[in-house]
Amino acid sequence: MNIRTRFTLLFALIVGIILFLFSFAIYYLSEDYRQNDFHSRLQDRAISKLKLVIAAEGKPEKFHLNNIEESKINLLKDEKIIIYNSDKEIIYKDSATALPTLETINLLNKQKLYVSVTNKEEIVGIKYSYIGNNYFLFAKAQDEYGTKFINNLKRTLIFRGLIIMLLIVLSGWLYAGRFLKPISKIVQQADKITYSNLNYRLSTKNKNDEIGRLTATFNKMLERLETSFKIQKRFVSNASHELRNPLTAISGQIEVALLKERNPEEYKSVLNSISKEIKNVRTLANNLLELANSEAETIFKDSEEIRIDELLWNVRDEMLKLKPEFNIQINFDQIIDNEKLITCRGKVKLLSVAFLNIIENACKFSKNKTVEIKVLAEKNNIILYFIDNGIGMPETYLKHAFEPFFRGSNTHGISGSGIGLSLVQRIIKLHSGKIFIRSKINSGTTIEVVLPNLS
């Protein structure tokens, strides 16, 4: 069932319920008014009859004359009246009138009004005081005109209600179609978008309503998808290039070595060169695996508390074992008494990888192979500054610094794959942190890492 049909049915259901309640209220109030009015008329007829009987003073001829005058205004169909005195003796009774039970007469002493509806007849009984005496009056009749009016009202409400419901369903269908028309246009436009035209954007007339905001949000999503798709294409292209170069070099060296017989020293030289290229390939493969793992590991089920100062010293020692020519300085801006200020939650291995990459890049691109690490502990965050005086990068390159395989034009001749900073950014984000980069050509680079602490 599509949205238009569901909307129409829901609209018809809501309005139908309101219409039913409104019609029922009209019918109920009209019926209640009819009954009250008819019962009042029955009471008036019974009281008038009592007064005629009392006025006749037991003289039939006088009562007959009065009764003739009174009958001229008798508008009630099948009217029957019975009057009892205080001793429960009948003082007046129309012919063929069923007598009320003694229990019913006694009931009037308690509630002073008795009402009964049987088939088409309605009976009203009252206790009435007149000239110092109590009387029990019972009147019965049919409300012919009132019943006809109520039945006609019922038919009118039902018939007109069905017609109105048909109009409601039709109106709901047309309104839903008009309401969903902009969405249908968006669907048609979105259906035209493929991987080859991700630069296509949706259009809408009114940009301030909900549909306009939905379109704007969808267009922003398309922009992110387009950017991600371009980065992905560039990633695949650069990864292929980075893998192809060492493999081509290895293949070429092996082919050259096999052209003729060589002495052991030449074979050793070729093998050393091949070994170096294989190490580069292995490093690239490891970086790619770390990059993939950092994508999947979004929740640290087995995270641990990490002292950042201890981790930095361990990373420094590990890096100096691999690159003893590096100069790594760690400085603290203040004395930290509360260890929670310098402690965060996460994975030691991942943060070690991130810091190793930052330190290696800083030293690699510096002439003096030096990096200064400043540690600052604030109320809620641990802030780390990795500062070098290296070649830096142009301002236009900064927005691409965290893209995989992106390398500046001034890095030619310096080994690297362009994965490091991309991997670092993802690891820091996994730890709910932030990373910023500031750089100036030939003036060095500063990388700022902000991690939440346990304070």
Protein backbone atom coordinates (compact mmCIF):
# COMPACT_ATOMS: atom_id res chain seq x y z
CA MET A 1 0.00 0.00 0.00
CA ASN A 2 1.55 3.29 -1.08
CA ILE A 3 1.67 6.48 0.98
CA ARG A 4 -1.11 8.16 -1.00
CA THR A 5 -3.56 5.33 -0.27
CA ARG A 6 -2.54 5.17 3.40
CA PHE A 7 -2.88 8.93 3.77
CA THR A 8 -6.32 8.87 2.11
CA LEU A 9 -7.58 6.04 4.33
CA LEU A 10 -6.19 7.65 7.47
CA PHE A 11 -7.68 11.03 6.55
CA ALA A 12 -11.06 9.40 5.80
CA LEU A 13 -10.93 7.44 9.07
CA ILE A 14 -10.19 10.50 11.21
CA VAL A 15 -12.78 12.72 9.54
CA GLY A 16 -15.26 9.82 9.46
CA ILE A 17 -14.95 9.31 13.21
CA ILE A 18 -15.43 13.04 13.82
CA LEU A 19 -18.45 13.04 11.48
CA PHE A 20 -19.93 9.98 13.21
CA LEU A 21 -19.52 11.52 16.67
CA PHE A 22 -21.02 14.79 15.46
CA SER A 23 -24.01 13.01 13.83
CA PHE A 24 -24.52 10.83 16.91
CA ALA A 25 -24.48 13.94 19.13
CA ILE A 26 -27.12 15.61 16.92
CA TYR A 27 -29.32 12.49 16.98
CA TYR A 28 -28.93 11.91 20.71
CA LEU A 29 -29.64 15.55 21.64
CA SER A 30 -32.63 15.68 19.29
CA GLU A 31 -34.08 12.45 20.70
CA ASP A 32 -33.48 13.65 24.25
CA TYR A 33 -35.21 16.94 23.49
CA ARG A 34 -38.15 15.12 21.85
CA GLN A 35 -38.65 12.86 24.86
CA ASN A 36 -38.45 15.70 27.37
CA ASP A 37 -40.86 17.82 25.34
CA PHE A 38 -43.34 14.96 24.84
CA HIS A 39 -43.21 13.92 28.49
CA SER A 40 -43.87 17.53 29.52
CA ARG A 41 -46.89 17.60 27.24
CA LEU A 42 -48.18 14.34 28.76
CA GLN A 43 -47.81 15.80 32.22
CA ASP A 44 -49.68 18.93 31.15
CA ARG A 45 -52.46 16.80 29.64
CA ALA A 46 -52.80 14.77 32.85
CA ILE A 47 -52.85 17.89 35.04
CA SER A 48 -55.43 19.52 32.76
CA LYS A 49 -57.55 16.39 32.98
CA LEU A 50 -57.29 16.43 36.79
CA LYS A 51 -58.45 20.02 36.94
CA LEU A 52 -61.41 19.24 34.68
CA VAL A 53 -62.38 16.31 36.89
CA ILE A 54 -62.15 18.45 40.04
CA ALA A 55 -64.06 21.29 38.37
CA ALA A 56 -66.88 18.91 37.39
CA GLU A 57 -67.48 18.23 41.09
CA GLY A 58 -68.89 14.83 40.26
CA LYS A 59 -71.46 16.22 37.79
CA PRO A 60 -71.13 14.27 34.56
CA GLU A 61 -72.95 16.80 32.38
CA LYS A 62 -70.60 19.57 33.45
CA PHE A 63 -67.56 17.37 32.94
CA HIS A 64 -68.83 16.41 29.52
CA LEU A 65 -69.03 20.01 28.41
CA ASN A 66 -65.61 20.79 29.71
CA ASN A 67 -64.26 17.63 28.12
CA ILE A 68 -65.65 18.70 24.75
CA GLU A 69 -63.85 22.01 25.01
CA GLU A 70 -60.68 20.28 26.13
CA SER A 71 -60.80 17.72 23.32
CA LYS A 72 -60.49 20.48 20.76
CA ILE A 73 -56.84 20.93 21.71
CA ASN A 74 -56.04 17.21 22.10
CA LEU A 75 -53.18 16.65 19.74
CA LEU A 76 -51.79 13.45 21.26
CA LYS A 77 -52.42 10.19 19.48
CA ASP A 78 -54.03 7.35 21.50
CA GLU A 79 -53.99 9.41 24.65
CA LYS A 80 -55.03 7.52 27.79
CA ILE A 81 -55.16 9.04 31.27
CA ILE A 82 -55.76 7.49 34.71
CA ILE A 83 -56.08 9.56 37.89
CA TYR A 84 -55.85 8.22 41.43
CA ASN A 85 -56.60 10.10 44.64
CA SER A 86 -54.44 9.96 47.74
CA ASP A 87 -56.21 6.76 48.81
CA LYS A 88 -55.15 5.18 45.49
CA GLU A 89 -58.72 5.05 44.26
CA ILE A 90 -59.47 5.73 40.60
CA ILE A 91 -61.32 9.02 40.12
CA TYR A 92 -60.87 9.12 36.37
CA LYS A 93 -60.02 6.54 33.74
CA ASP A 94 -60.18 6.55 29.96
CA SER A 95 -61.66 3.46 28.40
CA ALA A 96 -59.46 0.49 27.53
CA THR A 97 -56.64 1.84 29.64
CA ALA A 98 -54.39 -0.70 31.37
CA LEU A 99 -54.10 -0.08 35.09
CA PRO A 100 -50.65 0.56 36.56
CA THR A 101 -49.46 -1.79 39.25
CA LEU A 102 -49.57 -0.89 42.92
CA GLU A 103 -45.77 -1.02 42.96
CA THR A 104 -45.63 1.67 40.27
CA ILE A 105 -48.04 3.89 42.26
CA ASN A 106 -45.94 3.46 45.42
CA LEU A 107 -42.82 4.34 43.39
CA LEU A 108 -44.20 7.86 42.83
CA ASN A 109 -44.02 8.50 46.57
CA LYS A 110 -40.23 8.22 46.30
CA GLN A 111 -39.21 9.70 42.95
CA LYS A 112 -42.28 11.80 41.97
CA LEU A 113 -41.80 10.94 38.30
CA TYR A 114 -42.21 7.69 36.45
CA VAL A 115 -41.32 7.22 32.77
CA SER A 116 -41.73 4.08 30.68
CA VAL A 117 -41.34 3.53 26.93
CA THR A 118 -42.88 0.37 25.42
CA ASN A 119 -43.02 -0.17 21.67
CA LYS A 120 -44.57 3.00 20.27
CA GLU A 121 -46.22 4.17 23.49
CA GLU A 122 -44.68 6.29 26.20
CA ILE A 123 -46.05 6.44 29.75
CA VAL A 124 -45.51 9.23 32.28
CA GLY A 125 -46.57 9.08 35.92
CA ILE A 126 -46.39 11.98 38.41
CA LYS A 127 -47.45 12.82 41.91
CA TYR A 128 -49.33 16.12 41.85
CA SER A 129 -50.73 18.27 44.68
CA TYR A 130 -53.87 20.24 43.93
CA ILE A 131 -56.12 22.15 46.36
CA GLY A 132 -54.46 20.55 49.36
CA ASN A 133 -54.77 16.95 48.09
CA ASN A 134 -52.27 14.59 46.48
CA TYR A 135 -53.10 12.79 43.24
CA PHE A 136 -51.32 10.15 41.17
CA LEU A 137 -51.57 10.92 37.46
CA PHE A 138 -50.68 8.51 34.64
CA ALA A 139 -50.74 9.55 30.98
CA LYS A 140 -49.98 7.38 27.97
CA ALA A 141 -49.81 8.34 24.28
CA GLN A 142 -47.85 8.04 21.04
CA ASP A 143 -45.60 10.89 19.83
CA GLU A 144 -46.45 10.46 16.19
CA TYR A 145 -44.96 13.68 14.91
CA GLY A 146 -41.86 13.57 17.12
CA THR A 147 -41.12 9.95 16.16
CA LYS A 148 -41.49 10.75 12.47
CA PHE A 149 -39.13 13.69 12.89
CA ILE A 150 -36.48 11.55 14.68
CA ASN A 151 -36.73 8.74 12.10
CA ASN A 152 -36.40 11.24 9.29
CA LEU A 153 -33.43 12.82 11.04
CA LYS A 154 -31.80 9.38 11.40
CA ARG A 155 -32.25 8.61 7.69
CA THR A 156 -30.94 12.04 6.75
CA LEU A 157 -27.85 11.70 8.90
CA ILE A 158 -27.06 8.22 7.56
CA PHE A 159 -27.68 9.05 3.90
CA ARG A 160 -25.94 12.41 4.01
CA GLY A 161 -23.12 10.87 6.07
CA LEU A 162 -22.44 8.27 3.37
CA ILE A 163 -22.37 10.95 0.69
CA ILE A 164 -20.04 13.10 2.80
CA MET A 165 -17.75 10.09 3.40
CA LEU A 166 -17.45 9.55 -0.35
CA LEU A 167 -16.56 13.23 -0.75
CA ILE A 168 -14.03 12.95 2.08
CA VAL A 169 -12.33 9.93 0.45
CA LEU A 170 -12.23 11.72 -2.92
CA SER A 171 -10.94 14.94 -1.35
CA GLY A 172 -8.33 13.01 0.64
CA TRP A 173 -7.15 11.22 -2.50
CA LEU A 174 -6.84 14.47 -4.46
CA TYR A 175 -5.21 16.30 -1.54
CA ALA A 176 -2.73 13.46 -0.95
CA GLY A 177 -1.83 13.50 -4.65
CA ARG A 178 -1.24 17.23 -4.55
CA PHE A 179 0.69 16.95 -1.30
CA LEU A 180 2.92 14.11 -2.55
CA LYS A 181 3.53 15.61 -5.98
CA PRO A 182 6.81 17.33 -4.93
CA ILE A 183 7.99 14.05 -3.39
CA SER A 184 7.17 12.20 -6.60
CA LYS A 185 9.27 14.74 -8.51
CA ILE A 186 12.14 14.20 -6.08
CA VAL A 187 11.87 10.44 -6.57
CA GLN A 188 11.98 10.91 -10.35
CA GLN A 189 15.03 13.16 -10.08
CA ALA A 190 16.80 10.83 -7.61
CA ASP A 191 16.16 7.87 -9.92
CA LYS A 192 18.30 9.55 -12.57
CA ILE A 193 21.37 9.68 -10.28
CA THR A 194 24.02 7.03 -10.94
CA TYR A 195 27.72 6.66 -10.16
CA SER A 196 28.52 8.51 -13.39
CA ASN A 197 26.57 11.70 -12.56
CA LEU A 198 26.96 12.16 -8.80
CA ASN A 199 27.33 15.88 -9.47
CA TYR A 200 23.57 16.03 -10.24
CA ARG A 201 21.52 17.85 -7.59
CA LEU A 202 17.80 17.77 -6.76
CA SER A 203 15.70 20.89 -7.24
CA THR A 204 12.55 22.12 -5.46
CA LYS A 205 10.38 25.22 -5.67
CA ASN A 206 10.01 25.97 -1.97
CA LYS A 207 13.29 25.61 -0.10
CA ASN A 208 11.90 26.67 3.29
CA ASP A 209 9.34 23.91 3.93
CA GLU A 210 10.00 20.35 5.09
CA ILE A 211 10.34 18.99 1.55
CA GLY A 212 12.76 21.79 0.70
CA ARG A 213 14.87 20.96 3.75
CA LEU A 214 14.71 17.27 2.83
CA THR A 215 15.96 18.12 -0.66
CA ALA A 216 18.77 20.26 0.77
CA THR A 217 19.78 17.43 3.13
CA PHE A 218 19.75 14.94 0.26
CA ASN A 219 21.89 17.28 -1.85
CA LYS A 220 24.40 17.56 1.02
CA MET A 221 24.47 13.79 1.20
CA LEU A 222 25.14 13.66 -2.55
CA GLU A 223 28.02 16.10 -2.08
CA ARG A 224 29.52 13.84 0.60
CA LEU A 225 29.00 10.79 -1.60
CA GLU A 226 30.59 12.53 -4.56
CA THR A 227 33.57 13.55 -2.42
CA SER A 228 33.88 10.04 -0.97
CA PHE A 229 33.62 8.51 -4.44
CA LYS A 230 36.36 10.78 -5.76
CA ILE A 231 38.55 9.99 -2.76
CA GLN A 232 37.88 6.29 -3.25
CA LYS A 233 38.83 6.47 -6.93
CA ARG A 234 41.96 8.42 -6.04
CA PHE A 235 42.69 5.92 -3.24
CA VAL A 236 42.47 2.94 -5.61
CA SER A 237 44.51 4.71 -8.26
CA ASN A 238 47.23 5.79 -5.81
CA ALA A 239 47.28 2.43 -4.04
CA SER A 240 47.72 0.66 -7.37
CA HIS A 241 50.49 3.09 -8.29
CA GLU A 242 52.27 2.67 -4.95
CA LEU A 243 52.10 -1.12 -5.19
CA ARG A 244 53.05 -1.21 -8.87
CA ASN A 245 56.27 0.78 -8.47
CA PRO A 246 58.10 -1.58 -6.07
CA LEU A 247 56.73 -4.66 -7.84
CA THR A 248 57.94 -3.29 -11.17
CA ALA A 249 61.34 -2.55 -9.63
CA ILE A 250 61.56 -6.06 -8.17
CA SER A 251 60.52 -7.66 -11.46
CA GLY A 252 63.01 -5.54 -13.42
CA GLN A 253 65.92 -6.35 -11.14
CA ILE A 254 65.15 -10.07 -11.28
CA GLU A 255 64.95 -10.00 -15.09
CA VAL A 256 68.23 -8.10 -15.37
CA ALA A 257 69.92 -10.49 -12.96
CA LEU A 258 68.79 -13.46 -15.06
CA LEU A 259 70.16 -12.11 -18.35
CA LYS A 260 73.60 -13.54 -17.67
CA GLU A 261 75.70 -15.31 -15.10
CA ARG A 262 76.89 -13.03 -12.31
CA ASN A 263 79.29 -13.31 -9.42
CA PRO A 264 78.06 -13.75 -5.84
CA GLU A 265 78.58 -10.07 -4.98
CA GLU A 266 76.33 -8.94 -7.83
CA TYR A 267 73.63 -11.45 -6.82
CA LYS A 268 73.92 -10.24 -3.23
CA SER A 269 73.50 -6.65 -4.32
CA VAL A 270 70.40 -7.54 -6.34
CA LEU A 271 68.91 -9.49 -3.42
CA ASN A 272 69.55 -6.60 -1.03
CA SER A 273 67.80 -4.23 -3.41
CA ILE A 274 64.86 -6.66 -3.80
CA SER A 275 64.68 -7.07 -0.01
CA LYS A 276 64.45 -3.30 0.41
CA GLU A 277 61.62 -3.10 -2.11
CA ILE A 278 59.80 -5.99 -0.42
CA LYS A 279 60.05 -4.18 2.93
CA ASN A 280 58.46 -1.13 1.32
CA VAL A 281 55.65 -3.30 -0.03
CA ARG A 282 55.19 -4.92 3.38
CA THR A 283 55.08 -1.52 5.09
CA LEU A 284 52.49 -0.32 2.58
CA ALA A 285 50.41 -3.49 3.06
CA ASN A 286 50.56 -3.11 6.86
CA ASN A 287 49.42 0.50 6.61
CA LEU A 288 46.54 -0.51 4.37
CA LEU A 289 45.51 -3.22 6.85
CA GLU A 290 45.67 -0.76 9.75
CA LEU A 291 43.57 1.66 7.72
CA ALA A 292 40.93 -1.03 7.11
CA ASN A 293 40.94 -2.17 10.75
CA SER A 294 40.45 1.38 12.01
CA GLU A 295 37.29 1.61 9.88
CA ALA A 296 35.71 -1.46 11.46
CA GLU A 297 36.73 -0.92 15.05
CA THR A 298 34.21 1.71 16.04
CA ILE A 299 33.41 0.44 19.54
CA PHE A 300 36.04 -0.54 22.09
CA LYS A 301 34.52 -3.40 23.99
CA ASP A 302 37.84 -4.14 25.69
CA SER A 303 39.15 -0.60 26.00
CA GLU A 304 41.56 0.29 28.78
CA GLU A 305 42.81 3.30 30.69
CA ILE A 306 45.94 4.73 29.05
CA ARG A 307 48.48 7.10 30.59
CA ILE A 308 49.39 9.33 27.66
CA ASP A 309 52.75 10.36 29.15
CA GLU A 310 53.85 6.74 29.60
CA LEU A 311 52.62 5.88 26.11
CA LEU A 312 54.60 8.76 24.58
CA TRP A 313 57.83 7.61 26.27
CA ASN A 314 57.27 4.04 25.07
CA VAL A 315 56.58 5.25 21.52
CA ARG A 316 59.72 7.40 21.64
CA ASP A 317 61.86 4.42 22.69
CA GLU A 318 60.32 2.24 19.99
CA MET A 319 60.88 4.85 17.27
CA LEU A 320 64.51 5.43 18.32
CA LYS A 321 65.20 1.70 18.00
CA LEU A 322 63.99 1.83 14.41
CA LYS A 323 65.39 5.28 13.57
CA PRO A 324 68.23 6.15 15.96
CA GLU A 325 69.00 9.30 13.95
CA PHE A 326 65.69 10.87 15.00
CA ASN A 327 65.60 13.50 17.76
CA ILE A 328 62.37 13.28 19.79
CA GLN A 329 61.78 15.80 22.60
CA ILE A 330 58.86 15.46 25.04
CA ASN A 331 57.99 18.51 27.17
CA PHE A 332 55.24 19.07 29.75
CA ASP A 333 53.89 22.61 30.14
CA GLN A 334 53.02 22.04 33.80
CA ILE A 335 53.36 19.56 36.60
CA ILE A 336 50.41 17.19 36.53
CA ASP A 337 49.37 16.02 40.01
CA ASN A 338 46.09 14.34 39.07
CA GLU A 339 46.81 11.31 36.87
CA LYS A 340 43.21 11.34 35.53
CA LEU A 341 44.03 14.57 33.71
CA ILE A 342 46.65 12.72 31.65
CA THR A 343 44.69 9.46 31.27
CA CYS A 344 42.24 8.53 28.50
CA ARG A 345 40.31 5.40 27.53
CA GLY A 346 41.05 3.46 24.35
CA LYS A 347 43.41 1.00 22.68
CA VAL A 348 47.15 1.23 23.37
CA LYS A 349 48.07 -0.41 20.04
CA LEU A 350 46.01 2.01 17.95
CA LEU A 351 47.24 5.14 19.73
CA SER A 352 50.82 3.86 19.45
CA VAL A 353 50.36 3.50 15.68
CA ALA A 354 48.94 7.05 15.47
CA PHE A 355 51.77 8.64 17.48
CA LEU A 356 54.45 6.66 15.62
CA ASN A 357 53.12 7.91 12.28
CA ILE A 358 53.01 11.54 13.44
CA ILE A 359 56.53 11.37 14.89
CA GLU A 360 57.95 9.62 11.81
CA ASN A 361 56.41 12.18 9.45
CA ALA A 362 57.66 15.10 11.57
CA CYS A 363 61.23 13.80 11.69
CA LYS A 364 61.26 12.56 8.10
CA PHE A 365 60.31 15.95 6.66
CA SER A 366 62.66 17.93 8.95
CA LYS A 367 66.24 18.64 7.95
CA ASN A 368 67.46 18.13 11.50
CA LYS A 369 65.09 15.13 11.97
CA THR A 370 63.72 16.68 15.14
CA VAL A 371 60.22 16.80 16.59
CA GLU A 372 59.08 18.50 19.78
CA ILE A 373 56.06 17.04 21.61
CA LYS A 374 54.30 19.39 24.03
CA VAL A 375 51.82 17.90 26.48
CA LEU A 376 49.08 20.03 28.04
CA ALA A 377 46.43 18.68 30.46
CA GLU A 378 43.19 20.65 30.77
CA LYS A 379 40.01 20.04 32.76
CA ASN A 380 38.40 17.72 30.20
CA ASN A 381 41.03 17.17 27.52
CA ILE A 382 44.60 16.11 26.90
CA ILE A 383 46.23 18.29 24.22
CA LEU A 384 49.33 17.14 22.36
CA TYR A 385 51.37 19.35 19.99
CA PHE A 386 53.79 17.69 17.55
CA ILE A 387 56.01 20.49 16.23
CA ASP A 388 58.69 20.24 13.55
CA ASN A 389 60.73 22.75 11.56
CA GLY A 390 60.52 20.84 8.29
CA ILE A 391 59.52 21.64 4.73
CA GLY A 392 55.89 22.33 5.63
CA MET A 393 53.12 22.41 3.06
CA PRO A 394 51.20 25.07 1.14
CA GLU A 395 47.89 26.26 2.60
CA THR A 396 45.99 24.84 -0.39
CA TYR A 397 47.21 21.34 0.53
CA LEU A 398 45.99 21.42 4.13
CA LYS A 399 42.40 20.40 3.29
CA HIS A 400 43.74 17.27 1.56
CA ALA A 401 46.29 16.37 4.24
CA PHE A 402 44.14 13.60 5.75
CA GLU A 403 43.16 12.01 2.45
CA PRO A 404 44.70 8.57 1.78
CA PHE A 405 47.73 8.61 -0.54
CA PHE A 406 47.74 12.39 -0.83
CA ARG A 407 51.26 13.80 -0.96
CA GLY A 408 52.39 17.36 -1.54
CA SER A 409 54.37 18.37 -4.58
CA ASN A 410 57.33 19.29 -2.33
CA THR A 411 57.70 15.72 -0.96
CA HIS A 412 59.30 14.19 -4.06
CA GLY A 413 62.43 12.31 -3.17
CA ILE A 414 61.21 11.55 0.37
CA SER A 415 59.94 8.01 0.89
CA GLY A 416 56.35 7.53 2.01
CA SER A 417 52.96 6.24 0.91
CA GLY A 418 50.63 9.06 2.01
CA ILE A 419 48.60 6.81 4.32
CA GLY A 420 49.97 7.91 7.68
CA LEU A 421 47.88 11.02 8.44
CA SER A 422 44.70 9.41 7.11
CA LEU A 423 45.24 6.49 9.48
CA VAL A 424 46.02 8.86 12.37
CA GLN A 425 42.83 10.86 11.84
CA ARG A 426 40.64 7.76 11.94
CA ILE A 427 42.31 6.42 15.07
CA ILE A 428 41.89 9.76 16.87
CA LYS A 429 38.21 9.90 15.87
CA LEU A 430 37.69 6.38 17.20
CA HIS A 431 38.94 7.69 20.55
CA SER A 432 36.37 10.55 20.43
CA GLY A 433 39.20 12.99 19.83
CA LYS A 434 40.06 15.70 17.32
CA ILE A 435 43.11 16.41 15.17
CA PHE A 436 44.18 19.71 13.59
CA ILE A 437 47.09 20.59 11.31
CA ARG A 438 48.78 23.94 10.82
CA SER A 439 51.62 24.35 8.38
CA LYS A 440 53.54 26.92 6.41
CA ILE A 441 55.85 26.23 3.52
CA ASN A 442 59.50 25.97 4.66
CA SER A 443 58.50 26.94 8.22
CA GLY A 444 57.43 23.61 9.64
CA THR A 445 54.22 21.89 10.64
CA THR A 446 52.28 21.63 13.91
CA ILE A 447 49.81 18.79 14.48
CA GLU A 448 47.44 19.22 17.42
CA VAL A 449 45.75 16.15 18.92
CA VAL A 450 42.92 16.56 21.47
CA LEU A 451 41.81 13.51 23.48
CA PRO A 452 39.15 13.42 26.24
CA ASN A 453 40.59 12.55 29.66
CA LEU A 454 38.98 10.77 32.64
CA SER A 455 38.55 13.82 34.88
